[in-house]
Amino acid sequence: MSAHTATISSKSQITIPAAVRDALGLAAGDKIDFILSPNGFEIVPRRQSVLALHGKYAHLVTQPRSLDEIDTAIRNRMKKRFGA
């Protein structure tokens, strides 16, 4: 385990070290939670609820598909990508 240090600015802001951002999968504009634990605080990325995605990609659907068609498409893509 390695340690990373950040300094608090005069405006009470910190810059999260690149290695920490990369490890947490953070990008500009992402939100993080500081959760109090017995050993201090944990920095946890706030992830969107799947419900927040409702309708976001509806414009990409050209025609409705059945669950069987979706399952088959996923299976074929996985075979193509990873072999089987």
Protein backbone atom coordinates (compact mmCIF):
# COMPACT_ATOMS: atom_id res chain seq x y z
CA MET A 1 0.00 0.00 0.00
CA SER A 2 1.39 3.41 -0.89
CA ALA A 3 0.53 6.77 0.60
CA HIS A 4 -0.32 9.90 -1.34
CA THR A 5 -0.40 13.44 0.01
CA ALA A 6 -2.51 16.45 -0.89
CA THR A 7 -2.29 19.98 0.49
CA ILE A 8 -5.30 22.09 1.46
CA SER A 9 -5.31 25.45 -0.32
CA SER A 10 -6.30 28.78 1.23
CA LYS A 11 -9.77 28.17 -0.26
CA SER A 12 -10.01 24.79 1.54
CA GLN A 13 -9.57 22.92 -1.77
CA ILE A 14 -7.34 19.94 -2.46
CA THR A 15 -5.99 18.44 -5.65
CA ILE A 16 -6.39 14.69 -5.60
CA PRO A 17 -3.12 13.09 -6.76
CA ALA A 18 -3.27 11.57 -10.25
CA ALA A 19 -2.51 8.05 -8.97
CA VAL A 20 -5.49 8.28 -6.59
CA ARG A 21 -7.80 9.66 -9.31
CA ASP A 22 -6.75 6.88 -11.66
CA ALA A 23 -7.21 4.17 -9.02
CA LEU A 24 -10.70 5.46 -8.19
CA GLY A 25 -11.64 6.07 -11.82
CA LEU A 26 -12.30 9.76 -11.17
CA ALA A 27 -12.57 12.49 -13.78
CA ALA A 28 -13.25 16.23 -13.68
CA GLY A 29 -16.73 16.94 -12.37
CA ASP A 30 -17.11 13.62 -10.54
CA LYS A 31 -18.41 13.71 -6.99
CA ILE A 32 -16.80 11.92 -4.05
CA ASP A 33 -18.02 11.17 -0.56
CA PHE A 34 -15.90 11.39 2.58
CA ILE A 35 -17.10 8.63 4.89
CA LEU A 36 -16.03 8.57 8.54
CA SER A 37 -14.66 5.17 9.53
CA PRO A 38 -12.87 3.92 12.68
CA ASN A 39 -9.49 4.63 11.01
CA GLY A 40 -10.28 8.12 9.69
CA PHE A 41 -12.09 9.03 6.49
CA GLU A 42 -12.58 6.96 3.36
CA ILE A 43 -12.81 8.68 -0.02
CA VAL A 44 -15.52 6.94 -2.05
CA PRO A 45 -16.57 7.88 -5.58
CA ARG A 46 -20.27 8.70 -5.77
CA ARG A 47 -21.72 6.62 -8.56
CA GLN A 48 -24.98 7.38 -10.28
CA SER A 49 -27.93 5.18 -9.54
CA VAL A 50 -28.92 3.05 -12.48
CA LEU A 51 -32.31 4.76 -12.23
CA ALA A 52 -30.65 8.05 -13.21
CA LEU A 53 -29.86 6.51 -16.60
CA HIS A 54 -33.52 5.86 -17.43
CA GLY A 55 -34.19 7.11 -20.94
CA LYS A 56 -30.70 8.54 -21.42
CA TYR A 57 -29.95 6.30 -24.40
CA ALA A 58 -33.47 5.94 -25.80
CA HIS A 59 -32.47 7.89 -28.90
CA LEU A 60 -30.11 5.05 -29.85
CA VAL A 61 -32.89 2.47 -30.07
CA THR A 62 -34.04 2.08 -33.66
CA GLN A 63 -36.48 -0.75 -32.98
CA PRO A 64 -37.49 -2.67 -29.85
CA ARG A 65 -35.73 -5.98 -29.13
CA SER A 66 -36.88 -8.94 -27.07
CA LEU A 67 -34.85 -10.13 -24.09
CA ASP A 68 -33.87 -13.23 -26.05
CA GLU A 69 -32.54 -11.04 -28.89
CA ILE A 70 -30.61 -8.91 -26.40
CA ASP A 71 -29.14 -11.99 -24.68
CA THR A 72 -28.10 -13.44 -28.04
CA ALA A 73 -26.49 -10.17 -29.12
CA ILE A 74 -24.54 -9.95 -25.85
CA ARG A 75 -23.44 -13.59 -26.11
CA ASN A 76 -22.26 -13.10 -29.70
CA ARG A 77 -20.37 -9.92 -28.83
CA MET A 78 -18.65 -11.67 -25.90
CA LYS A 79 -17.65 -14.61 -28.13
CA LYS A 80 -16.31 -12.22 -30.74
CA ARG A 81 -14.40 -10.14 -28.20
CA PHE A 82 -13.06 -12.86 -25.92
CA GLY A 83 -13.32 -16.00 -28.05
CA ALA A 84 -15.09 -19.14 -26.98
